[in-house]
PDB file of all heavy atoms in Angstrom:
ATOM      1  N   THR A   1      93.669  91.268  95.634  1.00  0.00           N
ATOM      2  CA  THR A   1      93.053  91.984  96.750  1.00  0.00           C
ATOM      3  C   THR A   1      92.532  91.000  97.782  1.00  0.00           C
ATOM      4  O   THR A   1      92.278  89.835  97.491  1.00  0.00           O
ATOM      5  CB  THR A   1      91.878  92.868  96.289  1.00  0.00           C
ATOM      6  OG1 THR A   1      90.818  92.028  95.807  1.00  0.00           O
ATOM      7  CG2 THR A   1      92.309  93.846  95.212  1.00  0.00           C
ATOM      8  N   ARG A   2      92.356  91.503  99.009  1.00  0.00           N
ATOM      9  CA  ARG A   2      91.780  90.729 100.107  1.00  0.00           C
ATOM     10  C   ARG A   2      90.456  91.365 100.532  1.00  0.00           C
ATOM     11  O   ARG A   2      90.219  92.547 100.268  1.00  0.00           O
ATOM     12  CB  ARG A   2      92.744  90.707 101.299  1.00  0.00           C
ATOM     13  CG  ARG A   2      94.047  89.985 101.032  1.00  0.00           C
ATOM     14  CD  ARG A   2      94.943  90.072 102.246  1.00  0.00           C
ATOM     15  NE  ARG A   2      96.261  89.489 102.003  1.00  0.00           N
ATOM     16  CZ  ARG A   2      97.343  89.794 102.691  1.00  0.00           C
ATOM     17  NH1 ARG A   2      97.274  90.683 103.683  1.00  0.00           N
ATOM     18  NH2 ARG A   2      98.505  89.212 102.409  1.00  0.00           N
ATOM     19  N   PRO A   3      89.615  90.601 101.225  1.00  0.00           N
ATOM     20  CA  PRO A   3      88.304  91.136 101.611  1.00  0.00           C
ATOM     21  C   PRO A   3      88.350  92.430 102.418  1.00  0.00           C
ATOM     22  O   PRO A   3      87.418  93.230 102.349  1.00  0.00           O
ATOM     23  CB  PRO A   3      87.698  89.993 102.434  1.00  0.00           C
ATOM     24  CG  PRO A   3      88.308  88.760 101.869  1.00  0.00           C
ATOM     25  CD  PRO A   3      89.720  89.157 101.535  1.00  0.00           C
ATOM     26  N   ASN A   4      89.427  92.653 103.182  1.00  0.00           N
ATOM     27  CA  ASN A   4      89.491  93.868 103.997  1.00  0.00           C
ATOM     28  C   ASN A   4      89.984  95.082 103.214  1.00  0.00           C
ATOM     29  O   ASN A   4      90.163  96.160 103.772  1.00  0.00           O
ATOM     30  CB  ASN A   4      90.391  93.643 105.212  1.00  0.00           C
ATOM     31  CG  ASN A   4      91.847  93.414 104.840  1.00  0.00           C
ATOM     32  OD1 ASN A   4      92.185  93.287 103.662  1.00  0.00           O
ATOM     33  ND2 ASN A   4      92.708  93.347 105.838  1.00  0.00           N
ATOM     34  N   GLY A   5      90.217  94.903 101.899  1.00  0.00           N
ATOM     35  CA  GLY A   5      90.657  96.019 101.071  1.00  0.00           C
ATOM     36  C   GLY A   5      92.144  96.052 100.804  1.00  0.00           C
ATOM     37  O   GLY A   5      92.612  96.894 100.025  1.00  0.00           O
ATOM     38  N   ASP A   6      92.911  95.166 101.423  1.00  0.00           N
ATOM     39  CA  ASP A   6      94.350  95.132 101.175  1.00  0.00           C
ATOM     40  C   ASP A   6      94.645  94.745  99.726  1.00  0.00           C
ATOM     41  O   ASP A   6      93.974  93.888  99.147  1.00  0.00           O
ATOM     42  CB  ASP A   6      95.043  94.140 102.105  1.00  0.00           C
ATOM     43  CG  ASP A   6      95.179  94.658 103.527  1.00  0.00           C
ATOM     44  OD1 ASP A   6      95.025  95.876 103.728  1.00  0.00           O
ATOM     45  OD2 ASP A   6      95.432  93.842 104.435  1.00  0.00           O
ATOM     46  N   ILE A   7      95.661  95.382  99.163  1.00  0.00           N
ATOM     47  CA  ILE A   7      96.139  95.077  97.819  1.00  0.00           C
ATOM     48  C   ILE A   7      97.490  94.390  97.961  1.00  0.00           C
ATOM     49  O   ILE A   7      98.365  94.869  98.694  1.00  0.00           O
ATOM     50  CB  ILE A   7      96.284  96.357  96.973  1.00  0.00           C
ATOM     51  CG1 ILE A   7      94.986  97.166  97.008  1.00  0.00           C
ATOM     52  CG2 ILE A   7      96.673  96.022  95.539  1.00  0.00           C
ATOM     53  CD1 ILE A   7      95.132  98.565  96.441  1.00  0.00           C
ATOM     54  N   THR A   8      97.687  93.257  97.293  1.00  0.00           N
ATOM     55  CA  THR A   8      98.920  92.487  97.425  1.00  0.00           C
ATOM     56  C   THR A   8      99.436  92.091  96.041  1.00  0.00           C
ATOM     57  O   THR A   8      98.692  92.087  95.057  1.00  0.00           O
ATOM     58  CB  THR A   8      98.687  91.208  98.258  1.00  0.00           C
ATOM     59  OG1 THR A   8      97.760  90.359  97.571  1.00  0.00           O
ATOM     60  CG2 THR A   8      98.143  91.541  99.636  1.00  0.00           C
ATOM     61  N   PRO A   9     100.728  91.730  95.954  1.00  0.00           N
ATOM     62  CA  PRO A   9     101.275  91.300  94.651  1.00  0.00           C
ATOM     63  C   PRO A   9     100.684  89.987  94.163  1.00  0.00           C
ATOM     64  O   PRO A   9     100.592  89.749  92.967  1.00  0.00           O
ATOM     65  CB  PRO A   9     102.778  91.143  94.935  1.00  0.00           C
ATOM     66  CG  PRO A   9     103.029  91.866  96.207  1.00  0.00           C
ATOM     67  CD  PRO A   9     101.767  91.789  96.989  1.00  0.00           C
ATOM     68  N   CYS A  10     100.301  89.109  95.103  1.00  0.00           N
ATOM     69  CA  CYS A  10      99.695  87.832  94.738  1.00  0.00           C
ATOM     70  C   CYS A  10      98.937  87.297  95.944  1.00  0.00           C
ATOM     71  O   CYS A  10      99.032  87.843  97.046  1.00  0.00           O
ATOM     72  CB  CYS A  10     100.756  86.823  94.280  1.00  0.00           C
ATOM     73  SG  CYS A  10     101.713  86.098  95.625  1.00  0.00           S
ATOM     74  N   CYS A  11      98.219  86.201  95.753  1.00  0.00           N
ATOM     75  CA  CYS A  11      97.379  85.676  96.833  1.00  0.00           C
ATOM     76  C   CYS A  11      98.195  85.096  97.978  1.00  0.00           C
ATOM     77  O   CYS A  11      97.696  84.952  99.092  1.00  0.00           O
ATOM     78  CB  CYS A  11      96.430  84.609  96.280  1.00  0.00           C
ATOM     79  SG  CYS A  11      97.262  83.149  95.607  1.00  0.00           S
ATOM     80  N   ARG A  12      99.458  84.732  97.734  1.00  0.00           N
ATOM     81  CA  ARG A  12     100.281  84.120  98.781  1.00  0.00           C
ATOM     82  C   ARG A  12     101.020  85.142  99.635  1.00  0.00           C
ATOM     83  O   ARG A  12     101.520  84.820 100.710  1.00  0.00           O
ATOM     84  CB  ARG A  12     101.320  83.171  98.148  1.00  0.00           C
ATOM     85  CG  ARG A  12     100.706  82.037  97.351  1.00  0.00           C
ATOM     86  CD  ARG A  12     100.126  80.977  98.254  1.00  0.00           C
ATOM     87  NE  ARG A  12      99.396  79.968  97.514  1.00  0.00           N
ATOM     88  CZ  ARG A  12      99.931  78.917  96.925  1.00  0.00           C
ATOM     89  NH1 ARG A  12     101.241  78.745  96.968  1.00  0.00           N
ATOM     90  NH2 ARG A  12      99.188  78.048  96.288  1.00  0.00           N
ATOM     91  N   SER A  13     101.109  86.353  99.168  1.00  0.00           N
ATOM     92  CA  SER A  13     101.915  87.361  99.849  1.00  0.00           C
ATOM     93  C   SER A  13     101.294  87.776 101.174  1.00  0.00           C
ATOM     94  O   SER A  13     100.093  88.041 101.259  1.00  0.00           O
ATOM     95  CB  SER A  13     102.071  88.594  98.957  1.00  0.00           C
ATOM     96  OG  SER A  13     102.726  89.632  99.656  1.00  0.00           O
ATOM     97  N   ARG A  14     102.100  87.830 102.207  1.00  0.00           N
ATOM     98  CA  ARG A  14     101.655  88.339 103.501  1.00  0.00           C
ATOM     99  C   ARG A  14     101.920  89.841 103.627  1.00  0.00           C
ATOM    100  O   ARG A  14     101.500  90.475 104.576  1.00  0.00           O
ATOM    101  CB  ARG A  14     102.371  87.588 104.636  1.00  0.00           C
ATOM    102  CG  ARG A  14     102.004  86.120 104.719  1.00  0.00           C
ATOM    103  CD  ARG A  14     100.548  85.948 105.101  1.00  0.00           C
ATOM    104  NE  ARG A  14     100.165  84.559 105.217  1.00  0.00           N
ATOM    105  CZ  ARG A  14      99.612  83.836 104.251  1.00  0.00           C
ATOM    106  NH1 ARG A  14      99.391  84.393 103.076  1.00  0.00           N
ATOM    107  NH2 ARG A  14      99.291  82.578 104.436  1.00  0.00           N
ATOM    108  N   GLU A  15     102.613  90.411 102.662  1.00  0.00           N
ATOM    109  CA  GLU A  15     102.929  91.836 102.658  1.00  0.00           C
ATOM    110  C   GLU A  15     101.887  92.563 101.816  1.00  0.00           C
ATOM    111  O   GLU A  15     101.519  92.115 100.729  1.00  0.00           O
ATOM    112  CB  GLU A  15     104.318  92.074 102.069  1.00  0.00           C
ATOM    113  CG  GLU A  15     104.746  93.521 102.014  1.00  0.00           C
ATOM    114  CD  GLU A  15     105.063  94.105 103.382  1.00  0.00           C
ATOM    115  OE1 GLU A  15     105.599  93.373 104.226  1.00  0.00           O
ATOM    116  OE2 GLU A  15     104.758  95.292 103.593  1.00  0.00           O
ATOM    117  N   THR A  16     101.386  93.682 102.311  1.00  0.00           N
ATOM    118  CA  THR A  16     100.410  94.454 101.550  1.00  0.00           C
ATOM    119  C   THR A  16     101.102  95.614 100.841  1.00  0.00           C
ATOM    120  O   THR A  16     102.095  96.163 101.324  1.00  0.00           O
ATOM    121  CB  THR A  16      99.303  95.008 102.452  1.00  0.00           C
ATOM    122  OG1 THR A  16      99.861  95.966 103.356  1.00  0.00           O
ATOM    123  CG2 THR A  16      98.642  93.884 103.242  1.00  0.00           C
ATOM    124  N   LEU A  17     100.549  95.981  99.694  1.00  0.00           N
ATOM    125  CA  LEU A  17     101.031  97.148  98.965  1.00  0.00           C
ATOM    126  C   LEU A  17     100.310  98.406  99.427  1.00  0.00           C
ATOM    127  O   LEU A  17     100.751  99.518  99.163  1.00  0.00           O
ATOM    128  CB  LEU A  17     100.809  96.957  97.465  1.00  0.00           C
ATOM    129  CG  LEU A  17     101.441  95.710  96.848  1.00  0.00           C
ATOM    130  CD1 LEU A  17     101.050  95.596  95.372  1.00  0.00           C
ATOM    131  CD2 LEU A  17     102.960  95.739  96.994  1.00  0.00           C
ATOM    132  N   GLY A  18      99.194  98.222 100.106  1.00  0.00           N
ATOM    133  CA  GLY A  18      98.364  99.319 100.581  1.00  0.00           C
ATOM    134  C   GLY A  18      96.943  98.821 100.720  1.00  0.00           C
ATOM    135  O   GLY A  18      96.678  97.623 100.633  1.00  0.00           O
ATOM    136  N   ASN A  19      96.018  99.736 100.923  1.00  0.00           N
ATOM    137  CA  ASN A  19      94.615  99.377 101.081  1.00  0.00           C
ATOM    138  C   ASN A  19      93.762 100.241 100.165  1.00  0.00           C
ATOM    139  O   ASN A  19      94.069 101.416  99.948  1.00  0.00           O
ATOM    140  CB  ASN A  19      94.169  99.551 102.535  1.00  0.00           C
ATOM    141  CG  ASN A  19      92.806  98.938 102.802  1.00  0.00           C
ATOM    142  OD1 ASN A  19      91.770  99.510 102.465  1.00  0.00           O
ATOM    143  ND2 ASN A  19      92.798  97.766 103.425  1.00  0.00           N
ATOM    144  N   ILE A  20      92.713  99.657  99.623  1.00  0.00           N
ATOM    145  CA  ILE A  20      91.873 100.345  98.656  1.00  0.00           C
ATOM    146  C   ILE A  20      91.237 101.597  99.236  1.00  0.00           C
ATOM    147  O   ILE A  20      90.862 102.526  98.512  1.00  0.00           O
ATOM    148  CB  ILE A  20      90.796  99.379  98.113  1.00  0.00           C
ATOM    149  CG1 ILE A  20      90.273  99.872  96.767  1.00  0.00           C
ATOM    150  CG2 ILE A  20      89.662  99.181  99.106  1.00  0.00           C
ATOM    151  CD1 ILE A  20      91.278  99.793  95.654  1.00  0.00           C
ATOM    152  N   LYS A  21      91.133 101.676 100.571  1.00  0.00           N
ATOM    153  CA  LYS A  21      90.594 102.872 101.214  1.00  0.00           C
ATOM    154  C   LYS A  21      91.587 104.033 101.161  1.00  0.00           C
ATOM    155  O   LYS A  21      91.197 105.191 101.328  1.00  0.00           O
ATOM    156  CB  LYS A  21      90.233 102.572 102.669  1.00  0.00           C
ATOM    157  CG  LYS A  21      89.081 101.605 102.845  1.00  0.00           C
ATOM    158  CD  LYS A  21      88.736 101.393 104.305  1.00  0.00           C
ATOM    159  CE  LYS A  21      89.851 100.673 105.052  1.00  0.00           C
ATOM    160  NZ  LYS A  21      89.472 100.360 106.457  1.00  0.00           N
ATOM    161  N   GLU A  22      92.860 103.695 100.943  1.00  0.00           N
ATOM    162  CA  GLU A  22      93.912 104.704 101.014  1.00  0.00           C
ATOM    163  C   GLU A  22      94.570 105.010  99.680  1.00  0.00           C
ATOM    164  O   GLU A  22      95.239 106.028  99.526  1.00  0.00           O
ATOM    165  CB  GLU A  22      94.994 104.236 101.999  1.00  0.00           C
ATOM    166  CG  GLU A  22      94.462 103.960 103.399  1.00  0.00           C
ATOM    167  CD  GLU A  22      95.425 103.133 104.229  1.00  0.00           C
ATOM    168  OE1 GLU A  22      96.445 102.677 103.657  1.00  0.00           O
ATOM    169  OE2 GLU A  22      95.158 102.939 105.423  1.00  0.00           O
ATOM    170  N   MET A  23      94.432 104.111  98.703  1.00  0.00           N
ATOM    171  CA  MET A  23      95.081 104.314  97.415  1.00  0.00           C
ATOM    172  C   MET A  23      94.311 103.618  96.307  1.00  0.00           C
ATOM    173  O   MET A  23      93.511 102.718  96.556  1.00  0.00           O
ATOM    174  CB  MET A  23      96.525 103.795  97.442  1.00  0.00           C
ATOM    175  CG  MET A  23      96.664 102.301  97.698  1.00  0.00           C
ATOM    176  SD  MET A  23      98.370 101.703  97.481  1.00  0.00           S
ATOM    177  CE  MET A  23      99.289 102.741  98.609  1.00  0.00           C
ATOM    178  N   THR A  24      94.567 104.045  95.089  1.00  0.00           N
ATOM    179  CA  THR A  24      93.956 103.413  93.927  1.00  0.00           C
ATOM    180  C   THR A  24      94.795 102.190  93.507  1.00  0.00           C
ATOM    181  O   THR A  24      95.933 102.011  93.966  1.00  0.00           O
ATOM    182  CB  THR A  24      93.894 104.389  92.748  1.00  0.00           C
ATOM    183  OG1 THR A  24      95.230 104.727  92.350  1.00  0.00           O
ATOM    184  CG2 THR A  24      93.138 105.662  93.137  1.00  0.00           C
ATOM    185  N   LEU A  25      94.250 101.389  92.626  1.00  0.00           N
ATOM    186  CA  LEU A  25      95.009 100.260  92.094  1.00  0.00           C
ATOM    187  C   LEU A  25      96.261 100.737  91.370  1.00  0.00           C
ATOM    188  O   LEU A  25      97.323 100.109  91.456  1.00  0.00           O
ATOM    189  CB  LEU A  25      94.136  99.443  91.137  1.00  0.00           C
ATOM    190  CG  LEU A  25      92.975  98.657  91.756  1.00  0.00           C
ATOM    191  CD1 LEU A  25      92.158  97.980  90.664  1.00  0.00           C
ATOM    192  CD2 LEU A  25      93.478  97.619  92.758  1.00  0.00           C
ATOM    193  N   GLU A  26      96.151 101.863  90.655  1.00  0.00           N
ATOM    194  CA  GLU A  26      97.316 102.389  89.937  1.00  0.00           C
ATOM    195  C   GLU A  26      98.416 102.809  90.901  1.00  0.00           C
ATOM    196  O   GLU A  26      99.607 102.564  90.655  1.00  0.00           O
ATOM    197  CB  GLU A  26      96.909 103.573  89.060  1.00  0.00           C
ATOM    198  CG  GLU A  26      98.070 104.114  88.236  1.00  0.00           C
ATOM    199  CD  GLU A  26      97.650 105.182  87.247  1.00  0.00           C
ATOM    200  OE1 GLU A  26      96.499 105.644  87.314  1.00  0.00           O
ATOM    201  OE2 GLU A  26      98.490 105.571  86.398  1.00  0.00           O
ATOM    202  N   GLU A  27      98.046 103.429  92.012  1.00  0.00           N
ATOM    203  CA  GLU A  27      99.056 103.836  92.995  1.00  0.00           C
ATOM    204  C   GLU A  27      99.734 102.622  93.608  1.00  0.00           C
ATOM    205  O   GLU A  27     100.941 102.640  93.868  1.00  0.00           O
ATOM    206  CB  GLU A  27      98.398 104.696  94.077  1.00  0.00           C
ATOM    207  CG  GLU A  27      97.977 106.072  93.573  1.00  0.00           C
ATOM    208  CD  GLU A  27      97.086 106.808  94.557  1.00  0.00           C
ATOM    209  OE1 GLU A  27      96.425 106.152  95.392  1.00  0.00           O
ATOM    210  OE2 GLU A  27      97.041 108.054  94.485  1.00  0.00           O
ATOM    211  N   ALA A  28      98.991 101.552  93.835  1.00  0.00           N
ATOM    212  CA  ALA A  28      99.592 100.328  94.372  1.00  0.00           C
ATOM    213  C   ALA A  28     100.505  99.669  93.352  1.00  0.00           C
ATOM    214  O   ALA A  28     101.560  99.120  93.699  1.00  0.00           O
ATOM    215  CB  ALA A  28      98.495  99.352  94.794  1.00  0.00           C
ATOM    216  N   TRP A  29     100.125  99.721  92.087  1.00  0.00           N
ATOM    217  CA  TRP A  29     100.859  99.041  91.015  1.00  0.00           C
ATOM    218  C   TRP A  29     102.303  99.525  90.926  1.00  0.00           C
ATOM    219  O   TRP A  29     103.216  98.728  90.675  1.00  0.00           O
ATOM    220  CB  TRP A  29     100.130  99.270  89.694  1.00  0.00           C
ATOM    221  CG  TRP A  29     100.764  98.670  88.488  1.00  0.00           C
ATOM    222  CD1 TRP A  29     101.328  99.330  87.428  1.00  0.00           C
ATOM    223  CD2 TRP A  29     100.886  97.275  88.179  1.00  0.00           C
ATOM    224  NE1 TRP A  29     101.787  98.452  86.489  1.00  0.00           N
ATOM    225  CE2 TRP A  29     101.524  97.169  86.926  1.00  0.00           C
ATOM    226  CE3 TRP A  29     100.519  96.111  88.842  1.00  0.00           C
ATOM    227  CZ2 TRP A  29     101.809  95.952  86.326  1.00  0.00           C
ATOM    228  CZ3 TRP A  29     100.796  94.890  88.252  1.00  0.00           C
ATOM    229  CH2 TRP A  29     101.428  94.813  87.013  1.00  0.00           C
ATOM    230  N   ASN A  30     102.525 100.803  91.126  1.00  0.00           N
ATOM    231  CA  ASN A  30     103.882 101.330  91.070  1.00  0.00           C
ATOM    232  C   ASN A  30     104.286 102.012  92.368  1.00  0.00           C
ATOM    233  O   ASN A  30     105.122 102.917  92.379  1.00  0.00           O
ATOM    234  CB  ASN A  30     104.043 102.300  89.893  1.00  0.00           C
ATOM    235  CG  ASN A  30     104.336 101.574  88.595  1.00  0.00           C
ATOM    236  OD1 ASN A  30     105.201 100.694  88.540  1.00  0.00           O
ATOM    237  ND2 ASN A  30     103.603 101.925  87.542  1.00  0.00           N
ATOM    238  N   GLY A  31     103.703 101.556  93.469  1.00  0.00           N
ATOM    239  CA  GLY A  31     104.095 102.083  94.763  1.00  0.00           C
ATOM    240  C   GLY A  31     105.483 101.628  95.164  1.00  0.00           C
ATOM    241  O   GLY A  31     106.103 100.757  94.529  1.00  0.00           O
ATOM    242  N   GLU A  32     105.985 102.177  96.234  1.00  0.00           N
ATOM    243  CA  GLU A  32     107.352 101.897  96.689  1.00  0.00           C
ATOM    244  C   GLU A  32     107.573 100.411  96.956  1.00  0.00           C
ATOM    245  O   GLU A  32     108.613  99.846  96.568  1.00  0.00           O
ATOM    246  CB  GLU A  32     107.624 102.707  97.956  1.00  0.00           C
ATOM    247  CG  GLU A  32     109.035 102.571  98.495  1.00  0.00           C
ATOM    248  CD  GLU A  32     109.282 103.432  99.724  1.00  0.00           C
ATOM    249  OE1 GLU A  32     108.585 104.456  99.880  1.00  0.00           O
ATOM    250  OE2 GLU A  32     110.157 103.066 100.524  1.00  0.00           O
ATOM    251  N   LYS A  33     106.616  99.750  97.596  1.00  0.00           N
ATOM    252  CA  LYS A  33     106.787  98.335  97.933  1.00  0.00           C
ATOM    253  C   LYS A  33     106.813  97.454  96.688  1.00  0.00           C
ATOM    254  O   LYS A  33     107.613  96.517  96.592  1.00  0.00           O
ATOM    255  CB  LYS A  33     105.669  97.886  98.878  1.00  0.00           C
ATOM    256  CG  LYS A  33     105.739  98.491 100.261  1.00  0.00           C
ATOM    257  CD  LYS A  33     104.613  97.968 101.147  1.00  0.00           C
ATOM    258  CE  LYS A  33     104.686  98.540 102.545  1.00  0.00           C
ATOM    259  NZ  LYS A  33     103.571  98.045 103.411  1.00  0.00           N
ATOM    260  N   GLN A  34     105.943  97.744  95.745  1.00  0.00           N
ATOM    261  CA  GLN A  34     105.898  96.945  94.524  1.00  0.00           C
ATOM    262  C   GLN A  34     107.167  97.136  93.698  1.00  0.00           C
ATOM    263  O   GLN A  34     107.717  96.170  93.142  1.00  0.00           O
ATOM    264  CB  GLN A  34     104.669  97.322  93.701  1.00  0.00           C
ATOM    265  CG  GLN A  34     104.456  96.491  92.441  1.00  0.00           C
ATOM    266  CD  GLN A  34     103.807  95.145  92.695  1.00  0.00           C
ATOM    267  OE1 GLN A  34     104.085  94.510  93.712  1.00  0.00           O
ATOM    268  NE2 GLN A  34     102.958  94.718  91.784  1.00  0.00           N
TER     269      GLN A  34
END
């Protein structure tokens, strides 16, 4: 995660899986991007 709430696959990734304000960790874990 990043301070602004973004969820990412790893700390180096510039692509977000979503934001904690919009989805849960579980939704990010198996979301379309992941």
